[in-house]
C-alpha atoms as a PDB file:
ATOM      1  CA  MET A   1       0.897   2.422  -2.202  1.00  0.00           C
ATOM      2  CA  LEU A   2       3.422  -0.084  -0.903  1.00  0.00           C
ATOM      3  CA  ARG A   3       1.621  -2.843  -2.803  1.00  0.00           C
ATOM      4  CA  LEU A   4       2.530  -1.069  -6.039  1.00  0.00           C
ATOM      5  CA  LEU A   5       6.265  -1.355  -5.326  1.00  0.00           C
ATOM      6  CA  PRO A   6       8.071  -4.093  -7.252  1.00  0.00           C
ATOM      7  CA  THR A   7       9.396  -6.988  -5.184  1.00  0.00           C
ATOM      8  CA  GLN A   8      12.721  -6.664  -7.023  1.00  0.00           C
ATOM      9  CA  GLY A   9      14.317  -3.772  -8.835  1.00  0.00           C
ATOM     10  CA  HIS A  10      13.091  -0.199  -8.941  1.00  0.00           C
ATOM     11  CA  ILE A  11      10.165   1.813 -10.242  1.00  0.00           C
ATOM     12  CA  ASP A  12      10.326   5.417 -11.374  1.00  0.00           C
ATOM     13  CA  ARG A  13       8.814   7.667  -8.708  1.00  0.00           C
ATOM     14  CA  ARG A  14       6.722   9.542 -11.296  1.00  0.00           C
ATOM     15  CA  LEU A  15       5.221   6.315 -12.627  1.00  0.00           C
ATOM     16  CA  LEU A  16       4.463   5.082  -9.115  1.00  0.00           C
ATOM     17  CA  ALA A  17       2.838   8.412  -8.237  1.00  0.00           C
ATOM     18  CA  PHE A  18       0.729   8.333 -11.386  1.00  0.00           C
ATOM     19  CA  LYS A  19      -0.404   4.747 -10.751  1.00  0.00           C
ATOM     20  CA  ALA A  20      -1.268   5.477  -7.123  1.00  0.00           C
ATOM     21  CA  ALA A  21      -2.589   9.026  -7.188  1.00  0.00           C
ATOM     22  CA  GLY A  22      -3.164   9.893 -10.835  1.00  0.00           C
ATOM     23  CA  ASP A  23      -0.537  12.639 -10.577  1.00  0.00           C
ATOM     24  CA  PRO A  24       3.071  12.107 -11.675  1.00  0.00           C
ATOM     25  CA  HIS A  25       4.134  14.810  -9.202  1.00  0.00           C
ATOM     26  CA  GLY A  26       2.208  13.334  -6.278  1.00  0.00           C
ATOM     27  CA  LEU A  27       5.399  11.986  -4.699  1.00  0.00           C
ATOM     28  CA  ASP A  28       7.553  15.052  -5.250  1.00  0.00           C
ATOM     29  CA  PRO A  29       9.607  16.016  -2.181  1.00  0.00           C
ATOM     30  CA  GLY A  30       7.625  18.095   0.296  1.00  0.00           C
ATOM     31  CA  THR A  31       4.180  16.819  -0.687  1.00  0.00           C
ATOM     32  CA  ASP A  32       1.865  15.329   1.917  1.00  0.00           C
ATOM     33  CA  LEU A  33       1.753  12.033   0.049  1.00  0.00           C
ATOM     34  CA  ALA A  34       5.546  11.784  -0.150  1.00  0.00           C
ATOM     35  CA  GLY A  35       5.919  12.349   3.592  1.00  0.00           C
ATOM     36  CA  ARG A  36       3.298   9.768   4.423  1.00  0.00           C
ATOM     37  CA  ILE A  37       4.749   7.174   2.064  1.00  0.00           C
ATOM     38  CA  LEU A  38       8.278   7.700   3.388  1.00  0.00           C
ATOM     39  CA  ALA A  39       7.002   7.254   6.933  1.00  0.00           C
ATOM     40  CA  GLU A  40       5.069   4.100   5.966  1.00  0.00           C
ATOM     41  CA  ALA A  41       8.042   2.635   4.103  1.00  0.00           C
ATOM     42  CA  ALA A  42      10.400   3.429   6.975  1.00  0.00           C
ATOM     43  CA  ALA A  43       8.032   1.850   9.493  1.00  0.00           C
ATOM     44  CA  ALA A  44       7.843  -1.277   7.322  1.00  0.00           C
ATOM     45  CA  GLY A  45      11.644  -1.378   6.999  1.00  0.00           C
ATOM     46  CA  LEU A  46      11.427  -0.948   3.227  1.00  0.00           C
ATOM     47  CA  THR A  47      13.481   2.185   2.760  1.00  0.00           C
ATOM     48  CA  THR A  48      17.218   2.654   2.617  1.00  0.00           C
ATOM     49  CA  ALA A  49      16.874   6.381   3.234  1.00  0.00           C
ATOM     50  CA  GLN A  50      18.973   7.562   6.132  1.00  0.00           C
ATOM     51  CA  ILE A  51      16.153   9.530   7.721  1.00  0.00           C
ATOM     52  CA  PRO A  52      14.299   8.512  10.866  1.00  0.00           C
ATOM     53  CA  PRO A  53      10.598   7.620  10.454  1.00  0.00           C
ATOM     54  CA  ARG A  54       9.640  10.597  12.643  1.00  0.00           C
ATOM     55  CA  THR A  55      11.440  12.950  10.259  1.00  0.00           C
ATOM     56  CA  ALA A  56       9.851  11.320   7.223  1.00  0.00           C
ATOM     57  CA  GLY A  57       6.395  11.811   8.689  1.00  0.00           C
ATOM     58  CA  ALA A  58       7.135  15.339   9.888  1.00  0.00           C
ATOM     59  CA  SER A  59       6.799  16.869   6.439  1.00  0.00           C
ATOM     60  CA  SER A  60       3.235  15.631   6.050  1.00  0.00           C
ATOM     61  CA  ALA A  61       2.317  16.478   9.644  1.00  0.00           C
ATOM     62  CA  SER A  62       3.583  20.044   9.445  1.00  0.00           C
ATOM     63  CA  THR A  63       1.866  20.607   6.118  1.00  0.00           C
ATOM     64  CA  SER A  64      -1.401  19.147   7.423  1.00  0.00           C
ATOM     65  CA  THR A  65      -1.216  21.317  10.540  1.00  0.00           C
ATOM     66  CA  ALA A  66      -0.657  24.417   8.432  1.00  0.00           C
ATOM     67  CA  ARG A  67      -3.880  23.717   6.538  1.00  0.00           C
ATOM     68  CA  ALA A  68      -5.996  23.217   9.656  1.00  0.00           C
END
């Protein structure tokens, strides 16, 4: 997913989600994919979001646990 990010500028989240997952809503807040990507981006130092990586990954972990 991170390879699809432009080196400069921005990309619309819906377009990125469609390119990566075939679903324009795949990166909507609260989805497993969104939580995982936020955690990966935070770990790589690529996000300006003011949320800790643990918090970013928590949404996908709690959702995954609920399904188990």
